[in-house]
Amino acid sequence: MKYTTIIKKGTKDNPEYMVHSFVGDVVSLIDEDDNLPVFQPFPEYINEIELDEMGGELIEVELKIL
């Protein structure tokens, strides 16, 4: 299964996962304490220009259930 998550830009080899939150009309990026991916159920609604300005990047990860 493939899911979309957010990392800080330029850290694909050592990812720092982030989550977005909406406070009013403002989207903010928050570092995750446990540094595990938080899947974004509707990535098409995330404004990629704002995300880029905040230093975040949407990436696709593959989830394997062992």
N, C-alpha and C. Protein backbone atom coordinates (compact mmCIF):
# COMPACT_ATOMS: atom_id res chain seq x y z
N MET A 1 0.84 -1.17 0.00
CA MET A 1 0.00 0.00 0.00
C MET A 1 0.89 1.24 0.00
N LYS A 2 0.48 2.25 -0.72
CA LYS A 2 1.24 3.49 -0.77
C LYS A 2 0.43 4.62 -0.15
N TYR A 3 1.12 5.42 0.66
CA TYR A 3 0.49 6.54 1.35
C TYR A 3 1.34 7.79 1.17
N THR A 4 0.73 8.94 1.38
CA THR A 4 1.43 10.21 1.29
C THR A 4 1.70 10.74 2.69
N THR A 5 2.89 11.27 2.90
CA THR A 5 3.25 11.88 4.18
C THR A 5 4.07 13.14 3.89
N ILE A 6 4.43 13.88 4.93
CA ILE A 6 5.20 15.11 4.77
C ILE A 6 6.54 14.95 5.49
N ILE A 7 7.63 15.34 4.81
CA ILE A 7 8.93 15.43 5.47
C ILE A 7 9.46 16.84 5.26
N LYS A 8 10.46 17.20 6.08
CA LYS A 8 11.15 18.46 5.84
C LYS A 8 11.94 18.30 4.56
N LYS A 9 12.04 19.35 3.80
CA LYS A 9 12.67 19.30 2.49
C LYS A 9 14.14 18.87 2.59
N GLY A 10 14.54 18.00 1.69
CA GLY A 10 15.93 17.61 1.58
C GLY A 10 16.37 16.57 2.59
N THR A 11 15.45 15.81 3.18
CA THR A 11 15.84 14.84 4.19
C THR A 11 15.33 13.43 3.86
N LYS A 12 15.28 13.07 2.61
CA LYS A 12 14.73 11.76 2.24
C LYS A 12 15.59 10.61 2.77
N ASP A 13 16.92 10.79 2.87
CA ASP A 13 17.78 9.72 3.38
C ASP A 13 17.63 9.54 4.89
N ASN A 14 17.39 10.64 5.59
CA ASN A 14 17.18 10.61 7.04
C ASN A 14 15.96 11.47 7.32
N PRO A 15 14.77 10.93 7.06
CA PRO A 15 13.57 11.77 7.07
C PRO A 15 13.20 12.31 8.43
N GLU A 16 12.72 13.54 8.44
CA GLU A 16 12.12 14.15 9.61
C GLU A 16 10.65 14.34 9.26
N TYR A 17 9.81 13.45 9.75
CA TYR A 17 8.40 13.49 9.39
C TYR A 17 7.68 14.65 10.07
N MET A 18 6.69 15.16 9.38
CA MET A 18 5.94 16.30 9.88
C MET A 18 4.45 16.04 9.66
N VAL A 19 3.62 16.83 10.32
CA VAL A 19 2.18 16.77 10.12
C VAL A 19 1.71 18.20 9.92
N HIS A 20 0.65 18.36 9.15
CA HIS A 20 0.10 19.71 8.98
C HIS A 20 -1.14 19.84 9.85
N SER A 21 -1.35 21.04 10.36
CA SER A 21 -2.57 21.30 11.12
C SER A 21 -3.16 22.61 10.64
N PHE A 22 -4.47 22.69 10.71
CA PHE A 22 -5.16 23.90 10.29
C PHE A 22 -5.64 24.65 11.52
N VAL A 23 -5.23 25.91 11.64
CA VAL A 23 -5.74 26.79 12.68
C VAL A 23 -6.37 27.96 11.95
N GLY A 24 -7.69 27.96 11.86
CA GLY A 24 -8.37 28.95 11.01
C GLY A 24 -8.06 28.63 9.56
N ASP A 25 -7.52 29.61 8.84
CA ASP A 25 -7.14 29.40 7.44
C ASP A 25 -5.64 29.18 7.28
N VAL A 26 -4.92 29.07 8.39
CA VAL A 26 -3.46 28.95 8.33
C VAL A 26 -3.05 27.49 8.48
N VAL A 27 -2.19 27.03 7.58
CA VAL A 27 -1.64 25.68 7.67
C VAL A 27 -0.28 25.79 8.33
N SER A 28 -0.04 24.98 9.35
CA SER A 28 1.27 25.00 9.98
C SER A 28 1.84 23.59 10.00
N LEU A 29 3.15 23.51 9.87
CA LEU A 29 3.84 22.23 9.92
C LEU A 29 4.40 22.01 11.31
N ILE A 30 4.24 20.82 11.83
CA ILE A 30 4.66 20.49 13.18
C ILE A 30 5.56 19.27 13.12
N ASP A 31 6.72 19.33 13.80
CA ASP A 31 7.59 18.15 13.90
C ASP A 31 6.89 17.09 14.74
N GLU A 32 7.05 15.85 14.35
CA GLU A 32 6.49 14.75 15.12
C GLU A 32 7.50 14.31 16.17
N ASP A 33 7.05 14.16 17.41
CA ASP A 33 7.95 13.75 18.50
C ASP A 33 8.54 12.36 18.28
N ASP A 34 7.73 11.43 17.79
CA ASP A 34 8.22 10.06 17.61
C ASP A 34 8.85 9.85 16.24
N ASN A 35 8.80 10.86 15.38
CA ASN A 35 9.37 10.83 14.04
C ASN A 35 8.87 9.64 13.21
N LEU A 36 7.59 9.34 13.32
CA LEU A 36 6.96 8.34 12.47
C LEU A 36 6.07 9.04 11.46
N PRO A 37 5.91 8.47 10.27
CA PRO A 37 5.09 9.13 9.26
C PRO A 37 3.64 9.27 9.69
N VAL A 38 3.06 10.42 9.41
CA VAL A 38 1.64 10.67 9.63
C VAL A 38 1.02 10.74 8.25
N PHE A 39 0.17 9.80 7.93
CA PHE A 39 -0.38 9.72 6.58
C PHE A 39 -1.40 10.81 6.34
N GLN A 40 -1.31 11.42 5.17
CA GLN A 40 -2.19 12.51 4.78
C GLN A 40 -3.30 11.94 3.90
N PRO A 41 -4.52 11.85 4.42
CA PRO A 41 -5.58 11.19 3.67
C PRO A 41 -6.01 11.93 2.40
N PHE A 42 -5.86 13.26 2.36
CA PHE A 42 -6.26 14.04 1.19
C PHE A 42 -5.13 14.98 0.78
N PRO A 43 -4.02 14.43 0.27
CA PRO A 43 -2.87 15.28 -0.07
C PRO A 43 -3.19 16.31 -1.16
N GLU A 44 -4.22 16.04 -1.96
CA GLU A 44 -4.57 16.98 -3.03
C GLU A 44 -5.09 18.31 -2.48
N TYR A 45 -5.49 18.34 -1.22
CA TYR A 45 -5.98 19.58 -0.62
C TYR A 45 -4.88 20.40 0.04
N ILE A 46 -3.67 19.87 0.10
CA ILE A 46 -2.55 20.60 0.70
C ILE A 46 -1.98 21.54 -0.36
N ASN A 47 -1.88 22.82 -0.02
CA ASN A 47 -1.34 23.81 -0.94
C ASN A 47 0.17 23.62 -1.03
N GLU A 48 0.64 23.11 -2.18
CA GLU A 48 2.05 22.77 -2.32
C GLU A 48 2.96 23.99 -2.31
N ILE A 49 2.46 25.15 -2.73
CA ILE A 49 3.27 26.37 -2.69
C ILE A 49 3.52 26.76 -1.23
N GLU A 50 2.47 26.75 -0.41
CA GLU A 50 2.63 27.05 1.02
C GLU A 50 3.53 26.02 1.70
N LEU A 51 3.35 24.76 1.34
CA LEU A 51 4.16 23.70 1.91
C LEU A 51 5.64 23.93 1.59
N ASP A 52 5.93 24.31 0.35
CA ASP A 52 7.30 24.58 -0.07
C ASP A 52 7.88 25.77 0.70
N GLU A 53 7.08 26.81 0.90
CA GLU A 53 7.54 27.99 1.63
C GLU A 53 7.85 27.65 3.09
N MET A 54 7.15 26.65 3.65
CA MET A 54 7.37 26.25 5.04
C MET A 54 8.47 25.20 5.18
N GLY A 55 9.08 24.82 4.06
CA GLY A 55 10.19 23.88 4.11
C GLY A 55 9.78 22.42 4.18
N GLY A 56 8.55 22.13 3.80
CA GLY A 56 8.08 20.75 3.82
C GLY A 56 7.91 20.20 2.42
N GLU A 57 7.82 18.90 2.32
CA GLU A 57 7.68 18.24 1.02
C GLU A 57 6.79 17.01 1.17
N LEU A 58 5.83 16.86 0.26
CA LEU A 58 4.99 15.66 0.23
C LEU A 58 5.77 14.54 -0.43
N ILE A 59 5.79 13.38 0.19
CA ILE A 59 6.43 12.22 -0.43
C ILE A 59 5.48 11.03 -0.32
N GLU A 60 5.70 10.06 -1.17
CA GLU A 60 4.91 8.83 -1.12
C GLU A 60 5.77 7.75 -0.48
N VAL A 61 5.20 7.06 0.51
CA VAL A 61 5.90 5.96 1.16
C VAL A 61 5.11 4.68 0.94
N GLU A 62 5.82 3.58 0.90
CA GLU A 62 5.16 2.29 0.73
C GLU A 62 5.11 1.60 2.09
N LEU A 63 3.93 1.17 2.47
CA LEU A 63 3.71 0.52 3.75
C LEU A 63 3.64 -0.99 3.53
N LYS A 64 4.51 -1.72 4.23
CA LYS A 64 4.50 -3.18 4.16
C LYS A 64 4.07 -3.72 5.51
N ILE A 65 3.08 -4.57 5.52
CA ILE A 65 2.63 -5.22 6.74
C ILE A 65 3.33 -6.58 6.83
N LEU A 66 4.12 -6.73 7.87
CA LEU A 66 4.89 -7.97 8.02
C LEU A 66 4.16 -8.97 8.90
